[in-house]
Amino acid sequence: MAIGSTVRPSPEEYGEHYQTYVELVPETDVVAAMERQVPETVRLLSGIPATLADYRYDAGKWTVREVIGHIIDTERIFGFRALAFARGEKAPVPGADENEYVRHAAFDRYRIDDLVREYEHLRRAHVSFFGHLAPEAWGRSGTANELPVTVRALAFIILGHERHHLKIMREQYIPGNA
């Protein structure tokens, strides 16, 4: 257990729009929870048949591949923010338009199993990163998307964001297959 990873972020540590994600994380040891999430997510996503890769449950919604890609992109973005602020970055980092990222990603060129492997590598790298943070790094903060956020909050947001999208995946994309 990483010292500092067992303190829940207070609402002052992140923007209000991230509250939904933080609330999806009841655990106190966020690094252990991130590590436990890997096999659960890999199992769920690996079980999606290739025939559903381009399925979208409604017009204008992302495809299965796009949702998985969005999870990966968002983890990268929040992970970068955590790295920057943990290392003492003072410059604000920009926001990211998730719809533009998906639009320009060409996730239709990926096979689901390739996305799953990419997710797994990225998450394991973040587990290692967060697992080795110095205790004082967890409370460091910076400005992202014009809002203050701590490294601790970003770890919880990464975990909760994935849970949010996997819940949608189970309910809307693969209800009979999950």
N, C-alpha and C. Protein backbone atom coordinates (compact mmCIF):
# COMPACT_ATOMS: atom_id res chain seq x y z
N MET A 1 0.85 -1.19 0.00
CA MET A 1 0.00 0.00 0.00
C MET A 1 0.89 1.24 0.00
N ALA A 2 0.58 2.14 -0.87
CA ALA A 2 1.33 3.39 -0.96
C ALA A 2 0.87 4.31 0.15
N ILE A 3 1.81 4.84 0.90
CA ILE A 3 1.46 5.77 1.96
C ILE A 3 0.87 7.02 1.29
N GLY A 4 -0.28 7.43 1.75
CA GLY A 4 -0.94 8.58 1.16
C GLY A 4 -2.07 8.17 0.23
N SER A 5 -2.08 6.90 -0.17
CA SER A 5 -3.13 6.43 -1.08
C SER A 5 -4.39 6.01 -0.34
N THR A 6 -4.36 6.08 0.98
CA THR A 6 -5.51 5.62 1.76
C THR A 6 -6.34 6.77 2.34
N VAL A 7 -6.10 7.94 1.85
CA VAL A 7 -6.87 9.11 2.29
C VAL A 7 -7.80 9.51 1.16
N ARG A 8 -9.09 9.56 1.45
CA ARG A 8 -10.06 9.97 0.43
C ARG A 8 -9.93 11.46 0.16
N PRO A 9 -10.10 11.87 -1.08
CA PRO A 9 -10.04 13.31 -1.36
C PRO A 9 -11.29 14.01 -0.83
N SER A 10 -11.09 15.21 -0.36
CA SER A 10 -12.23 16.01 0.08
C SER A 10 -12.80 16.71 -1.16
N PRO A 11 -14.05 17.15 -1.10
CA PRO A 11 -14.65 17.83 -2.27
C PRO A 11 -13.88 19.07 -2.74
N GLU A 12 -13.08 19.66 -1.87
CA GLU A 12 -12.29 20.83 -2.27
C GLU A 12 -11.11 20.45 -3.16
N GLU A 13 -10.84 19.15 -3.28
CA GLU A 13 -9.68 18.69 -4.04
C GLU A 13 -9.97 18.46 -5.52
N TYR A 14 -11.19 18.67 -5.95
CA TYR A 14 -11.53 18.42 -7.36
C TYR A 14 -12.78 19.21 -7.71
N GLY A 15 -13.01 19.40 -8.99
CA GLY A 15 -14.19 20.10 -9.48
C GLY A 15 -15.45 19.31 -9.22
N GLU A 16 -16.53 20.02 -9.02
CA GLU A 16 -17.81 19.39 -8.67
C GLU A 16 -18.26 18.35 -9.69
N HIS A 17 -17.94 18.55 -10.97
CA HIS A 17 -18.38 17.61 -11.99
C HIS A 17 -17.69 16.25 -11.88
N TYR A 18 -16.66 16.13 -11.05
CA TYR A 18 -16.00 14.84 -10.83
C TYR A 18 -16.57 14.08 -9.64
N GLN A 19 -17.48 14.71 -8.92
CA GLN A 19 -18.08 14.09 -7.73
C GLN A 19 -18.66 12.71 -8.03
N THR A 20 -19.34 12.58 -9.15
CA THR A 20 -19.95 11.30 -9.54
C THR A 20 -18.91 10.20 -9.57
N TYR A 21 -17.75 10.48 -10.13
CA TYR A 21 -16.69 9.47 -10.23
C TYR A 21 -16.11 9.13 -8.86
N VAL A 22 -15.84 10.15 -8.07
CA VAL A 22 -15.26 9.92 -6.74
C VAL A 22 -16.22 9.10 -5.88
N GLU A 23 -17.52 9.37 -6.00
CA GLU A 23 -18.52 8.62 -5.22
C GLU A 23 -18.57 7.15 -5.60
N LEU A 24 -18.10 6.80 -6.79
CA LEU A 24 -18.09 5.39 -7.22
C LEU A 24 -16.92 4.61 -6.63
N VAL A 25 -16.14 5.27 -5.79
CA VAL A 25 -14.97 4.63 -5.18
C VAL A 25 -15.13 4.62 -3.67
N PRO A 26 -15.74 3.57 -3.11
CA PRO A 26 -15.89 3.51 -1.66
C PRO A 26 -14.61 3.08 -0.94
N GLU A 27 -13.68 2.47 -1.69
CA GLU A 27 -12.45 1.99 -1.07
C GLU A 27 -11.61 3.15 -0.55
N THR A 28 -10.78 2.86 0.41
CA THR A 28 -9.86 3.88 0.90
C THR A 28 -8.48 3.71 0.27
N ASP A 29 -8.07 2.49 -0.05
CA ASP A 29 -6.77 2.27 -0.70
C ASP A 29 -6.97 2.29 -2.21
N VAL A 30 -6.81 3.45 -2.81
CA VAL A 30 -7.10 3.63 -4.23
C VAL A 30 -6.14 2.84 -5.11
N VAL A 31 -4.89 2.69 -4.72
CA VAL A 31 -3.93 1.95 -5.55
C VAL A 31 -4.31 0.47 -5.59
N ALA A 32 -4.65 -0.09 -4.45
CA ALA A 32 -5.08 -1.49 -4.42
C ALA A 32 -6.35 -1.67 -5.24
N ALA A 33 -7.26 -0.72 -5.16
CA ALA A 33 -8.50 -0.81 -5.93
C ALA A 33 -8.21 -0.71 -7.43
N MET A 34 -7.28 0.14 -7.82
CA MET A 34 -6.90 0.25 -9.23
C MET A 34 -6.32 -1.07 -9.73
N GLU A 35 -5.51 -1.69 -8.89
CA GLU A 35 -4.89 -2.96 -9.26
C GLU A 35 -5.95 -4.07 -9.38
N ARG A 36 -6.88 -4.11 -8.44
CA ARG A 36 -7.95 -5.12 -8.49
C ARG A 36 -8.86 -4.92 -9.70
N GLN A 37 -8.98 -3.69 -10.16
CA GLN A 37 -9.86 -3.39 -11.27
C GLN A 37 -9.34 -3.97 -12.60
N VAL A 38 -8.03 -4.16 -12.72
CA VAL A 38 -7.46 -4.62 -13.98
C VAL A 38 -8.06 -5.96 -14.43
N PRO A 39 -7.98 -7.02 -13.64
CA PRO A 39 -8.52 -8.29 -14.15
C PRO A 39 -10.04 -8.25 -14.35
N GLU A 40 -10.74 -7.48 -13.54
CA GLU A 40 -12.20 -7.35 -13.71
C GLU A 40 -12.53 -6.71 -15.06
N THR A 41 -11.83 -5.63 -15.37
CA THR A 41 -12.07 -4.92 -16.62
C THR A 41 -11.63 -5.77 -17.81
N VAL A 42 -10.47 -6.39 -17.72
CA VAL A 42 -9.98 -7.22 -18.81
C VAL A 42 -10.95 -8.37 -19.07
N ARG A 43 -11.45 -8.99 -18.03
CA ARG A 43 -12.42 -10.09 -18.18
C ARG A 43 -13.69 -9.60 -18.89
N LEU A 44 -14.22 -8.47 -18.44
CA LEU A 44 -15.44 -7.94 -19.05
C LEU A 44 -15.22 -7.59 -20.52
N LEU A 45 -14.18 -6.82 -20.80
CA LEU A 45 -13.96 -6.35 -22.16
C LEU A 45 -13.53 -7.47 -23.10
N SER A 46 -12.77 -8.41 -22.59
CA SER A 46 -12.33 -9.54 -23.42
C SER A 46 -13.50 -10.44 -23.81
N GLY A 47 -14.57 -10.39 -23.02
CA GLY A 47 -15.73 -11.21 -23.30
C GLY A 47 -16.69 -10.61 -24.32
N ILE A 48 -16.39 -9.42 -24.80
CA ILE A 48 -17.27 -8.78 -25.78
C ILE A 48 -16.98 -9.38 -27.16
N PRO A 49 -17.97 -9.94 -27.79
CA PRO A 49 -17.74 -10.53 -29.11
C PRO A 49 -17.37 -9.45 -30.14
N ALA A 50 -16.51 -9.82 -31.08
CA ALA A 50 -16.08 -8.89 -32.13
C ALA A 50 -17.28 -8.36 -32.91
N THR A 51 -18.35 -9.12 -32.96
CA THR A 51 -19.55 -8.68 -33.70
C THR A 51 -20.20 -7.46 -33.06
N LEU A 52 -19.87 -7.16 -31.80
CA LEU A 52 -20.43 -5.99 -31.12
C LEU A 52 -19.49 -4.78 -31.15
N ALA A 53 -18.33 -4.91 -31.77
CA ALA A 53 -17.31 -3.85 -31.74
C ALA A 53 -17.86 -2.51 -32.22
N ASP A 54 -18.72 -2.53 -33.23
CA ASP A 54 -19.24 -1.28 -33.78
C ASP A 54 -20.67 -0.98 -33.34
N TYR A 55 -21.13 -1.72 -32.34
CA TYR A 55 -22.49 -1.52 -31.84
C TYR A 55 -22.57 -0.23 -31.05
N ARG A 56 -23.64 0.52 -31.26
CA ARG A 56 -23.96 1.69 -30.45
C ARG A 56 -25.43 1.53 -30.08
N TYR A 57 -25.76 1.78 -28.84
CA TYR A 57 -27.12 1.50 -28.37
C TYR A 57 -28.14 2.55 -28.80
N ASP A 58 -27.66 3.67 -29.34
CA ASP A 58 -28.57 4.70 -29.82
C ASP A 58 -27.79 5.58 -30.79
N ALA A 59 -28.52 6.25 -31.66
CA ALA A 59 -27.89 7.16 -32.61
C ALA A 59 -27.10 8.23 -31.87
N GLY A 60 -25.92 8.51 -32.34
CA GLY A 60 -25.09 9.53 -31.71
C GLY A 60 -24.27 9.04 -30.54
N LYS A 61 -24.49 7.82 -30.08
CA LYS A 61 -23.70 7.26 -28.98
C LYS A 61 -22.43 6.62 -29.55
N TRP A 62 -21.43 6.49 -28.71
CA TRP A 62 -20.18 5.88 -29.15
C TRP A 62 -20.37 4.38 -29.36
N THR A 63 -19.50 3.81 -30.19
CA THR A 63 -19.48 2.36 -30.37
C THR A 63 -18.75 1.72 -29.18
N VAL A 64 -18.83 0.41 -29.10
CA VAL A 64 -18.12 -0.32 -28.04
C VAL A 64 -16.64 0.04 -28.08
N ARG A 65 -16.05 0.00 -29.28
CA ARG A 65 -14.62 0.33 -29.40
C ARG A 65 -14.34 1.76 -28.96
N GLU A 66 -15.24 2.66 -29.29
CA GLU A 66 -15.03 4.07 -28.91
C GLU A 66 -15.13 4.26 -27.40
N VAL A 67 -16.00 3.53 -26.76
CA VAL A 67 -16.10 3.63 -25.29
C VAL A 67 -14.81 3.13 -24.66
N ILE A 68 -14.32 1.99 -25.12
CA ILE A 68 -13.07 1.46 -24.57
C ILE A 68 -11.93 2.44 -24.83
N GLY A 69 -11.86 2.97 -26.05
CA GLY A 69 -10.82 3.95 -26.37
C GLY A 69 -10.93 5.20 -25.52
N HIS A 70 -12.16 5.64 -25.26
CA HIS A 70 -12.37 6.80 -24.40
C HIS A 70 -11.86 6.54 -22.98
N ILE A 71 -12.11 5.36 -22.47
CA ILE A 71 -11.59 5.00 -21.13
C ILE A 71 -10.07 5.11 -21.13
N ILE A 72 -9.43 4.60 -22.16
CA ILE A 72 -7.97 4.64 -22.26
C ILE A 72 -7.48 6.09 -22.38
N ASP A 73 -8.07 6.85 -23.30
CA ASP A 73 -7.64 8.24 -23.47
C ASP A 73 -7.79 9.05 -22.19
N THR A 74 -8.91 8.86 -21.52
CA THR A 74 -9.17 9.62 -20.30
C THR A 74 -8.20 9.24 -19.20
N GLU A 75 -7.88 7.94 -19.10
CA GLU A 75 -6.90 7.54 -18.10
C GLU A 75 -5.54 8.16 -18.41
N ARG A 76 -5.18 8.23 -19.68
CA ARG A 76 -3.92 8.88 -20.06
C ARG A 76 -3.92 10.35 -19.65
N ILE A 77 -5.01 11.03 -19.92
CA ILE A 77 -5.11 12.45 -19.61
C ILE A 77 -5.01 12.69 -18.10
N PHE A 78 -5.81 11.96 -17.33
CA PHE A 78 -5.77 12.13 -15.88
C PHE A 78 -4.42 11.67 -15.31
N GLY A 79 -3.84 10.64 -15.91
CA GLY A 79 -2.53 10.16 -15.48
C GLY A 79 -1.45 11.21 -15.72
N PHE A 80 -1.52 11.87 -16.88
CA PHE A 80 -0.56 12.95 -17.15
C PHE A 80 -0.71 14.08 -16.12
N ARG A 81 -1.95 14.43 -15.86
CA ARG A 81 -2.19 15.48 -14.87
C ARG A 81 -1.60 15.10 -13.51
N ALA A 82 -1.82 13.86 -13.11
CA ALA A 82 -1.29 13.39 -11.83
C ALA A 82 0.24 13.44 -11.83
N LEU A 83 0.86 13.00 -12.91
CA LEU A 83 2.31 13.05 -13.03
C LEU A 83 2.80 14.50 -12.92
N ALA A 84 2.19 15.38 -13.69
CA ALA A 84 2.62 16.78 -13.69
C ALA A 84 2.53 17.39 -12.30
N PHE A 85 1.42 17.20 -11.64
CA PHE A 85 1.23 17.84 -10.34
C PHE A 85 2.05 17.15 -9.24
N ALA A 86 2.19 15.84 -9.33
CA ALA A 86 3.02 15.13 -8.35
C ALA A 86 4.47 15.60 -8.42
N ARG A 87 4.89 15.97 -9.62
CA ARG A 87 6.27 16.42 -9.82
C ARG A 87 6.43 17.93 -9.61
N GLY A 88 5.36 18.59 -9.21
CA GLY A 88 5.46 20.00 -8.85
C GLY A 88 5.17 20.98 -9.97
N GLU A 89 4.57 20.52 -11.05
CA GLU A 89 4.24 21.43 -12.16
C GLU A 89 3.34 22.56 -11.66
N LYS A 90 3.68 23.78 -12.02
CA LYS A 90 2.89 24.95 -11.62
C LYS A 90 2.01 25.48 -12.75
N ALA A 91 2.39 25.18 -13.99
CA ALA A 91 1.61 25.68 -15.14
C ALA A 91 0.29 24.92 -15.23
N PRO A 92 -0.78 25.61 -15.54
CA PRO A 92 -2.07 24.93 -15.72
C PRO A 92 -2.01 24.00 -16.92
N VAL A 93 -2.75 22.91 -16.85
CA VAL A 93 -2.84 22.00 -18.00
C VAL A 93 -4.24 22.15 -18.60
N PRO A 94 -4.34 22.02 -19.91
CA PRO A 94 -5.63 22.28 -20.57
C PRO A 94 -6.65 21.18 -20.32
N GLY A 95 -7.88 21.50 -20.63
CA GLY A 95 -8.94 20.51 -20.61
C GLY A 95 -8.85 19.67 -21.87
N ALA A 96 -9.78 18.75 -22.01
CA ALA A 96 -9.80 17.87 -23.18
C ALA A 96 -11.26 17.65 -23.57
N ASP A 97 -11.56 17.80 -24.83
CA ASP A 97 -12.90 17.57 -25.33
C ASP A 97 -13.02 16.10 -25.71
N GLU A 98 -13.68 15.32 -24.89
CA GLU A 98 -13.76 13.87 -25.09
C GLU A 98 -14.36 13.50 -26.44
N ASN A 99 -15.31 14.25 -26.91
CA ASN A 99 -15.93 13.95 -28.20
C ASN A 99 -14.95 14.19 -29.35
N GLU A 100 -14.17 15.23 -29.27
CA GLU A 100 -13.16 15.47 -30.30
C GLU A 100 -12.08 14.40 -30.27
N TYR A 101 -11.67 13.98 -29.08
CA TYR A 101 -10.67 12.91 -28.98
C TYR A 101 -11.19 11.66 -29.65
N VAL A 102 -12.41 11.26 -29.36
CA VAL A 102 -12.98 10.05 -29.96
C VAL A 102 -13.12 10.24 -31.47
N ARG A 103 -13.58 11.40 -31.88
CA ARG A 103 -13.78 11.66 -33.32
C ARG A 103 -12.49 11.52 -34.11
N HIS A 104 -11.37 11.92 -33.53
CA HIS A 104 -10.10 11.88 -34.24
C HIS A 104 -9.27 10.63 -33.96
N ALA A 105 -9.74 9.74 -33.14
CA ALA A 105 -8.94 8.58 -32.73
C ALA A 105 -8.96 7.43 -33.73
N ALA A 106 -9.98 7.33 -34.54
CA ALA A 106 -10.12 6.21 -35.49
C ALA A 106 -10.08 4.87 -34.76
N PHE A 107 -10.85 4.77 -33.68
CA PHE A 107 -10.89 3.52 -32.92
C PHE A 107 -11.44 2.35 -33.74
N ASP A 108 -12.09 2.64 -34.85
CA ASP A 108 -12.60 1.56 -35.70
C ASP A 108 -11.46 0.78 -36.35
N ARG A 109 -10.25 1.28 -36.28
CA ARG A 109 -9.08 0.56 -36.80
C ARG A 109 -8.53 -0.45 -35.79
N TYR A 110 -9.02 -0.42 -34.57
CA TYR A 110 -8.54 -1.30 -33.52
C TYR A 110 -9.44 -2.53 -33.40
N ARG A 111 -8.84 -3.63 -33.03
CA ARG A 111 -9.63 -4.79 -32.61
C ARG A 111 -9.86 -4.62 -31.11
N ILE A 112 -10.95 -5.17 -30.61
CA ILE A 112 -11.24 -5.05 -29.17
C ILE A 112 -10.09 -5.59 -28.34
N ASP A 113 -9.54 -6.74 -28.72
CA ASP A 113 -8.46 -7.32 -27.91
C ASP A 113 -7.22 -6.42 -27.89
N ASP A 114 -6.97 -5.67 -28.97
CA ASP A 114 -5.85 -4.71 -28.97
C ASP A 114 -6.11 -3.57 -27.97
N LEU A 115 -7.34 -3.10 -27.94
CA LEU A 115 -7.71 -2.05 -26.98
C LEU A 115 -7.60 -2.57 -25.55
N VAL A 116 -8.01 -3.80 -25.33
CA VAL A 116 -7.93 -4.39 -23.99
C VAL A 116 -6.47 -4.48 -23.54
N ARG A 117 -5.59 -4.92 -24.42
CA ARG A 117 -4.16 -4.99 -24.07
C ARG A 117 -3.60 -3.60 -23.77
N GLU A 118 -3.98 -2.63 -24.58
CA GLU A 118 -3.50 -1.26 -24.37
C GLU A 118 -3.98 -0.74 -23.01
N TYR A 119 -5.25 -0.97 -22.71
CA TYR A 119 -5.80 -0.59 -21.40
C TYR A 119 -4.97 -1.23 -20.28
N GLU A 120 -4.76 -2.54 -20.41
CA GLU A 120 -4.06 -3.26 -19.34
C GLU A 120 -2.65 -2.72 -19.11
N HIS A 121 -1.91 -2.46 -20.18
CA HIS A 121 -0.56 -1.91 -20.04
C HIS A 121 -0.59 -0.53 -19.38
N LEU A 122 -1.51 0.30 -19.84
CA LEU A 122 -1.62 1.65 -19.29
C LEU A 122 -1.98 1.61 -17.80
N ARG A 123 -2.97 0.81 -17.45
CA ARG A 123 -3.38 0.75 -16.04
C ARG A 123 -2.27 0.20 -15.16
N ARG A 124 -1.58 -0.83 -15.61
CA ARG A 124 -0.48 -1.37 -14.80
C ARG A 124 0.61 -0.32 -14.61
N ALA A 125 0.86 0.48 -15.62
CA ALA A 125 1.84 1.57 -15.49
C ALA A 125 1.37 2.58 -14.44
N HIS A 126 0.06 2.88 -14.44
CA HIS A 126 -0.46 3.83 -13.46
C HIS A 126 -0.46 3.25 -12.05
N VAL A 127 -0.72 1.97 -11.92
CA VAL A 127 -0.64 1.33 -10.60
C VAL A 127 0.78 1.47 -10.06
N SER A 128 1.77 1.24 -10.91
CA SER A 128 3.16 1.39 -10.48
C SER A 128 3.47 2.85 -10.13
N PHE A 129 3.04 3.77 -10.98
CA PHE A 129 3.28 5.19 -10.72
C PHE A 129 2.68 5.62 -9.39
N PHE A 130 1.38 5.40 -9.22
CA PHE A 130 0.71 5.83 -7.99
C PHE A 130 1.24 5.06 -6.79
N GLY A 131 1.59 3.79 -7.00
CA GLY A 131 2.09 2.96 -5.90
C GLY A 131 3.44 3.40 -5.35
N HIS A 132 4.17 4.17 -6.14
CA HIS A 132 5.49 4.62 -5.71
C HIS A 132 5.55 6.11 -5.37
N LEU A 133 4.42 6.77 -5.34
CA LEU A 133 4.44 8.19 -5.00
C LEU A 133 4.87 8.41 -3.55
N ALA A 134 5.62 9.46 -3.35
CA ALA A 134 5.97 9.87 -1.99
C ALA A 134 4.71 10.36 -1.30
N PRO A 135 4.60 10.17 0.02
CA PRO A 135 3.38 10.58 0.73
C PRO A 135 2.98 12.03 0.47
N GLU A 136 3.95 12.93 0.39
CA GLU A 136 3.61 14.35 0.20
C GLU A 136 3.09 14.64 -1.22
N ALA A 137 3.38 13.78 -2.17
CA ALA A 137 2.94 14.00 -3.55
C ALA A 137 1.42 13.87 -3.70
N TRP A 138 0.80 13.04 -2.86
CA TRP A 138 -0.65 12.81 -2.98
C TRP A 138 -1.46 14.08 -2.79
N GLY A 139 -0.99 14.98 -1.96
CA GLY A 139 -1.74 16.20 -1.69
C GLY A 139 -1.36 17.37 -2.58
N ARG A 140 -0.37 17.18 -3.44
CA ARG A 140 0.00 18.26 -4.34
C ARG A 140 -1.13 18.52 -5.32
N SER A 141 -1.24 19.77 -5.74
CA SER A 141 -2.33 20.11 -6.65
C SER A 141 -1.84 21.00 -7.77
N GLY A 142 -2.71 21.10 -8.74
CA GLY A 142 -2.45 21.97 -9.87
C GLY A 142 -3.78 22.38 -10.46
N THR A 143 -3.71 23.05 -11.57
CA THR A 143 -4.92 23.49 -12.25
C THR A 143 -5.06 22.74 -13.57
N ALA A 144 -6.18 22.07 -13.72
CA ALA A 144 -6.48 21.34 -14.95
C ALA A 144 -7.88 21.73 -15.39
N ASN A 145 -8.00 22.07 -16.65
CA ASN A 145 -9.32 22.47 -17.17
C ASN A 145 -9.87 23.65 -16.35
N GLU A 146 -8.94 24.51 -15.92
CA GLU A 146 -9.25 25.73 -15.17
C GLU A 146 -9.79 25.48 -13.77
N LEU A 147 -9.59 24.27 -13.24
CA LEU A 147 -10.04 23.94 -11.89
C LEU A 147 -8.90 23.31 -11.09
N PRO A 148 -8.85 23.60 -9.79
CA PRO A 148 -7.82 22.95 -8.98
C PRO A 148 -8.14 21.48 -8.77
N VAL A 149 -7.11 20.65 -8.73
CA VAL A 149 -7.29 19.21 -8.49
C VAL A 149 -6.00 18.67 -7.88
N THR A 150 -6.16 17.73 -6.94
CA THR A 150 -4.99 17.11 -6.32
C THR A 150 -4.66 15.79 -7.01
N VAL A 151 -3.44 15.35 -6.79
CA VAL A 151 -3.00 14.04 -7.30
C VAL A 151 -3.91 12.96 -6.73
N ARG A 152 -4.20 13.03 -5.44
CA ARG A 152 -5.08 12.05 -4.78
C ARG A 152 -6.44 11.99 -5.48
N ALA A 153 -7.02 13.14 -5.74
CA ALA A 153 -8.33 13.17 -6.40
C ALA A 153 -8.24 12.55 -7.79
N LEU A 154 -7.17 12.81 -8.51
CA LEU A 154 -7.03 12.25 -9.86
C LEU A 154 -7.00 10.72 -9.84
N ALA A 155 -6.36 10.14 -8.84
CA ALA A 155 -6.36 8.67 -8.74
C ALA A 155 -7.78 8.15 -8.55
N PHE A 156 -8.55 8.79 -7.68
CA PHE A 156 -9.93 8.38 -7.45
C PHE A 156 -10.79 8.62 -8.69
N ILE A 157 -10.53 9.70 -9.39
CA ILE A 157 -11.29 10.02 -10.60
C ILE A 157 -11.02 8.98 -11.68
N ILE A 158 -9.78 8.58 -11.86
CA ILE A 158 -9.44 7.54 -12.84
C ILE A 158 -10.25 6.27 -12.56
N LEU A 159 -10.22 5.84 -11.32
CA LEU A 159 -10.93 4.62 -10.92
C LEU A 159 -12.43 4.77 -11.11
N GLY A 160 -13.00 5.86 -10.66
CA GLY A 160 -14.45 6.06 -10.76
C GLY A 160 -14.92 6.28 -12.18
N HIS A 161 -14.12 6.96 -12.99
CA HIS A 161 -14.48 7.18 -14.39
C HIS A 161 -14.62 5.84 -15.11
N GLU A 162 -13.70 4.95 -14.89
CA GLU A 162 -13.78 3.63 -15.51
C GLU A 162 -15.01 2.87 -15.02
N ARG A 163 -15.26 2.91 -13.74
CA ARG A 163 -16.46 2.23 -13.20
C ARG A 163 -17.74 2.79 -13.83
N HIS A 164 -17.78 4.10 -14.00
CA HIS A 164 -18.94 4.74 -14.62
C HIS A 164 -19.19 4.17 -16.01
N HIS A 165 -18.15 4.12 -16.82
CA HIS A 165 -18.32 3.65 -18.20
C HIS A 165 -18.54 2.14 -18.29
N LEU A 166 -17.97 1.39 -17.39
CA LEU A 166 -18.21 -0.06 -17.41
C LEU A 166 -19.66 -0.37 -17.01
N LYS A 167 -20.21 0.43 -16.13
CA LYS A 167 -21.62 0.26 -15.77
C LYS A 167 -22.51 0.52 -16.99
N ILE A 168 -22.23 1.56 -17.71
CA ILE A 168 -22.97 1.85 -18.94
C ILE A 168 -22.77 0.72 -19.95
N MET A 169 -21.55 0.24 -20.05
CA MET A 169 -21.26 -0.86 -20.97
C MET A 169 -22.12 -2.08 -20.63
N ARG A 170 -22.17 -2.43 -19.35
CA ARG A 170 -22.96 -3.59 -18.92
C ARG A 170 -24.45 -3.39 -19.18
N GLU A 171 -24.93 -2.19 -18.94
CA GLU A 171 -26.37 -1.93 -19.04
C GLU A 171 -26.84 -1.66 -20.47
N GLN A 172 -26.05 -0.98 -21.27
CA GLN A 172 -26.51 -0.53 -22.57
C GLN A 172 -25.90 -1.28 -23.77
N TYR A 173 -24.69 -1.76 -23.61
CA TYR A 173 -24.01 -2.34 -24.76
C TYR A 173 -24.02 -3.88 -24.73
N ILE A 174 -23.81 -4.45 -23.57
CA ILE A 174 -23.67 -5.91 -23.51
C ILE A 174 -24.49 -6.52 -22.37
N PRO A 175 -25.73 -6.11 -22.18
CA PRO A 175 -26.48 -6.60 -21.01
C PRO A 175 -26.60 -8.12 -20.94
N GLY A 176 -26.73 -8.79 -22.06
CA GLY A 176 -26.85 -10.25 -22.04
C GLY A 176 -25.52 -10.96 -22.06
N ASN A 177 -24.42 -10.20 -22.26
CA ASN A 177 -23.10 -10.81 -22.40
C ASN A 177 -22.19 -10.54 -21.20
N ALA A 178 -22.62 -9.69 -20.28
CA ALA A 178 -21.72 -9.29 -19.18
C ALA A 178 -21.80 -10.25 -18.02
